């Protein structure tokens, strides 16, 4: 997983064809679990995975919600394919299994 540390870096991620983006809170236990699940997914996947910490990059967290046209939540994961939002979910539904299921439908 690659950490997104600036809004400019986030905007570069938006230009990628396919990726997973995770927004997470460094102080929330639910977010910690979503991070662990996403990290486990990333180890078994060829799709690039990026994450940002909402406390460290609040502007980026809000920008991602605006970019995808959905309400900001944390933790929150996005699956983008062919530069289109395919799936997003939040909280306890951000799991390795759910990410794998969504990515498997891309084929």
C-alpha atoms as a PDB file:
ATOM      1  CA  UNK A   1       0.000   0.000   0.000  1.00  0.00           C
ATOM      2  CA  UNK A   2       1.192   3.464  -0.826  1.00  0.00           C
ATOM      3  CA  UNK A   3       0.442   6.413   1.413  1.00  0.00           C
ATOM      4  CA  UNK A   4      -0.989   9.542  -0.195  1.00  0.00           C
ATOM      5  CA  UNK A   5       0.451  12.535   1.637  1.00  0.00           C
ATOM      6  CA  UNK A   6      -0.644  15.536  -0.428  1.00  0.00           C
ATOM      7  CA  UNK A   7      -3.687  16.636  -2.396  1.00  0.00           C
ATOM      8  CA  UNK A   8      -1.483  16.836  -5.496  1.00  0.00           C
ATOM      9  CA  UNK A   9      -0.485  13.196  -4.997  1.00  0.00           C
ATOM     10  CA  UNK A  10      -4.163  12.297  -4.554  1.00  0.00           C
ATOM     11  CA  UNK A  11      -5.015  14.020  -7.829  1.00  0.00           C
ATOM     12  CA  UNK A  12      -2.325  11.909  -9.505  1.00  0.00           C
ATOM     13  CA  UNK A  13      -3.991   8.770  -8.113  1.00  0.00           C
ATOM     14  CA  UNK A  14      -7.283   9.896  -9.704  1.00  0.00           C
ATOM     15  CA  UNK A  15      -5.554   9.737 -13.090  1.00  0.00           C
ATOM     16  CA  UNK A  16      -4.696   6.048 -12.701  1.00  0.00           C
ATOM     17  CA  UNK A  17      -6.842   3.616 -14.643  1.00  0.00           C
ATOM     18  CA  UNK A  18      -7.571   1.210 -11.780  1.00  0.00           C
ATOM     19  CA  UNK A  19      -6.874   1.312  -8.056  1.00  0.00           C
ATOM     20  CA  UNK A  20      -8.216   0.978  -4.533  1.00  0.00           C
ATOM     21  CA  UNK A  21      -8.195   4.042  -2.287  1.00  0.00           C
ATOM     22  CA  UNK A  22      -8.730   3.791   1.473  1.00  0.00           C
ATOM     23  CA  UNK A  23      -9.479   6.766   3.679  1.00  0.00           C
ATOM     24  CA  UNK A  24      -8.889   5.965   7.320  1.00  0.00           C
ATOM     25  CA  UNK A  25      -8.641   7.546  10.709  1.00  0.00           C
ATOM     26  CA  UNK A  26      -5.508   6.935  12.733  1.00  0.00           C
ATOM     27  CA  UNK A  27      -7.495   7.160  15.996  1.00  0.00           C
ATOM     28  CA  UNK A  28     -10.450   4.878  15.246  1.00  0.00           C
ATOM     29  CA  UNK A  29     -10.417   1.127  16.016  1.00  0.00           C
ATOM     30  CA  UNK A  30     -12.871   0.420  13.171  1.00  0.00           C
ATOM     31  CA  UNK A  31     -10.517   2.252  10.826  1.00  0.00           C
ATOM     32  CA  UNK A  32      -7.567   0.256  12.132  1.00  0.00           C
ATOM     33  CA  UNK A  33      -9.409  -2.952  11.242  1.00  0.00           C
ATOM     34  CA  UNK A  34     -10.318  -1.633   7.766  1.00  0.00           C
ATOM     35  CA  UNK A  35      -6.668  -0.687   7.248  1.00  0.00           C
ATOM     36  CA  UNK A  36      -5.515  -4.201   8.230  1.00  0.00           C
ATOM     37  CA  UNK A  37      -8.091  -5.785   5.908  1.00  0.00           C
ATOM     38  CA  UNK A  38      -7.088  -3.526   3.020  1.00  0.00           C
ATOM     39  CA  UNK A  39      -3.409  -4.186   3.659  1.00  0.00           C
ATOM     40  CA  UNK A  40      -4.062  -7.953   3.578  1.00  0.00           C
ATOM     41  CA  UNK A  41      -5.963  -7.499   0.312  1.00  0.00           C
ATOM     42  CA  UNK A  42      -3.087  -5.497  -1.180  1.00  0.00           C
ATOM     43  CA  UNK A  43      -0.597  -8.304  -0.508  1.00  0.00           C
ATOM     44  CA  UNK A  44      -2.625 -10.709  -2.669  1.00  0.00           C
ATOM     45  CA  UNK A  45      -3.694  -8.300  -5.399  1.00  0.00           C
ATOM     46  CA  UNK A  46      -2.187  -6.837  -8.537  1.00  0.00           C
ATOM     47  CA  UNK A  47      -4.345  -3.712  -8.347  1.00  0.00           C
ATOM     48  CA  UNK A  48      -2.554  -0.712  -6.796  1.00  0.00           C
ATOM     49  CA  UNK A  49      -3.758   0.241  -3.315  1.00  0.00           C
ATOM     50  CA  UNK A  50      -3.421   3.735  -1.865  1.00  0.00           C
ATOM     51  CA  UNK A  51      -4.441   5.130   1.493  1.00  0.00           C
ATOM     52  CA  UNK A  52      -4.656   8.451   3.236  1.00  0.00           C
ATOM     53  CA  UNK A  53      -5.013   9.372   6.882  1.00  0.00           C
ATOM     54  CA  UNK A  54      -7.969  11.698   7.316  1.00  0.00           C
ATOM     55  CA  UNK A  55      -6.397  13.573  10.236  1.00  0.00           C
ATOM     56  CA  UNK A  56      -3.191  14.237   8.325  1.00  0.00           C
ATOM     57  CA  UNK A  57      -4.836  15.050   5.000  1.00  0.00           C
ATOM     58  CA  UNK A  58      -8.300  16.393   5.818  1.00  0.00           C
ATOM     59  CA  UNK A  59      -8.422  18.371   2.579  1.00  0.00           C
ATOM     60  CA  UNK A  60      -7.669  15.175   0.652  1.00  0.00           C
ATOM     61  CA  UNK A  61     -10.355  13.211   2.492  1.00  0.00           C
ATOM     62  CA  UNK A  62     -12.914  15.851   1.572  1.00  0.00           C
ATOM     63  CA  UNK A  63     -11.577  16.070  -1.984  1.00  0.00           C
ATOM     64  CA  UNK A  64     -12.014  12.305  -2.470  1.00  0.00           C
ATOM     65  CA  UNK A  65     -15.645  12.510  -1.350  1.00  0.00           C
ATOM     66  CA  UNK A  66     -16.235  15.429  -3.716  1.00  0.00           C
ATOM     67  CA  UNK A  67     -14.326  13.769  -6.570  1.00  0.00           C
ATOM     68  CA  UNK A  68     -16.459  10.631  -6.359  1.00  0.00           C
ATOM     69  CA  UNK A  69     -19.658  12.510  -5.516  1.00  0.00           C
ATOM     70  CA  UNK A  70     -20.371  10.620  -2.310  1.00  0.00           C
ATOM     71  CA  UNK A  71     -20.638  11.412   1.392  1.00  0.00           C
ATOM     72  CA  UNK A  72     -17.360  11.382   3.351  1.00  0.00           C
ATOM     73  CA  UNK A  73     -17.024   8.513   5.800  1.00  0.00           C
ATOM     74  CA  UNK A  74     -14.080   7.000   7.585  1.00  0.00           C
ATOM     75  CA  UNK A  75     -12.971   4.354   7.100  1.00  0.00           C
ATOM     76  CA  UNK A  76     -14.061   4.322   3.482  1.00  0.00           C
ATOM     77  CA  UNK A  77     -12.762   2.349   0.514  1.00  0.00           C
ATOM     78  CA  UNK A  78     -13.142   3.036  -3.191  1.00  0.00           C
ATOM     79  CA  UNK A  79     -12.566   0.692  -6.109  1.00  0.00           C
ATOM     80  CA  UNK A  80     -11.897   2.496  -9.375  1.00  0.00           C
ATOM     81  CA  UNK A  81     -11.639   0.743 -12.731  1.00  0.00           C
ATOM     82  CA  UNK A  82     -11.175   2.476 -16.088  1.00  0.00           C
ATOM     83  CA  UNK A  83     -11.270   5.732 -14.090  1.00  0.00           C
ATOM     84  CA  UNK A  84     -14.854   4.988 -13.000  1.00  0.00           C
ATOM     85  CA  UNK A  85     -15.986   4.417  -9.425  1.00  0.00           C
ATOM     86  CA  UNK A  86     -17.097   0.786  -9.371  1.00  0.00           C
ATOM     87  CA  UNK A  87     -17.676   0.282  -5.650  1.00  0.00           C
ATOM     88  CA  UNK A  88     -17.323   2.036  -2.348  1.00  0.00           C
ATOM     89  CA  UNK A  89     -18.181   1.088   1.184  1.00  0.00           C
ATOM     90  CA  UNK A  90     -17.309   2.026   4.710  1.00  0.00           C
ATOM     91  CA  UNK A  91     -16.753   0.898   8.260  1.00  0.00           C
ATOM     92  CA  UNK A  92     -16.986  -2.858   8.959  1.00  0.00           C
ATOM     93  CA  UNK A  93     -17.742  -3.598   5.292  1.00  0.00           C
ATOM     94  CA  UNK A  94     -14.195  -2.661   4.260  1.00  0.00           C
ATOM     95  CA  UNK A  95     -12.809  -6.191   4.313  1.00  0.00           C
ATOM     96  CA  UNK A  96     -10.322  -8.235   2.329  1.00  0.00           C
ATOM     97  CA  UNK A  97     -13.160 -10.534   1.265  1.00  0.00           C
ATOM     98  CA  UNK A  98     -15.352  -7.670   0.019  1.00  0.00           C
ATOM     99  CA  UNK A  99     -12.458  -6.085  -1.855  1.00  0.00           C
ATOM    100  CA  UNK A 100     -11.572  -9.432  -3.453  1.00  0.00           C
ATOM    101  CA  UNK A 101     -15.195 -10.012  -4.470  1.00  0.00           C
ATOM    102  CA  UNK A 102     -15.448  -6.595  -6.075  1.00  0.00           C
ATOM    103  CA  UNK A 103     -12.145  -6.911  -7.926  1.00  0.00           C
ATOM    104  CA  UNK A 104     -13.046 -10.402  -9.143  1.00  0.00           C
ATOM    105  CA  UNK A 105     -16.097  -8.945 -10.882  1.00  0.00           C
ATOM    106  CA  UNK A 106     -13.853  -6.732 -13.020  1.00  0.00           C
ATOM    107  CA  UNK A 107     -12.722  -9.671 -15.150  1.00  0.00           C
END
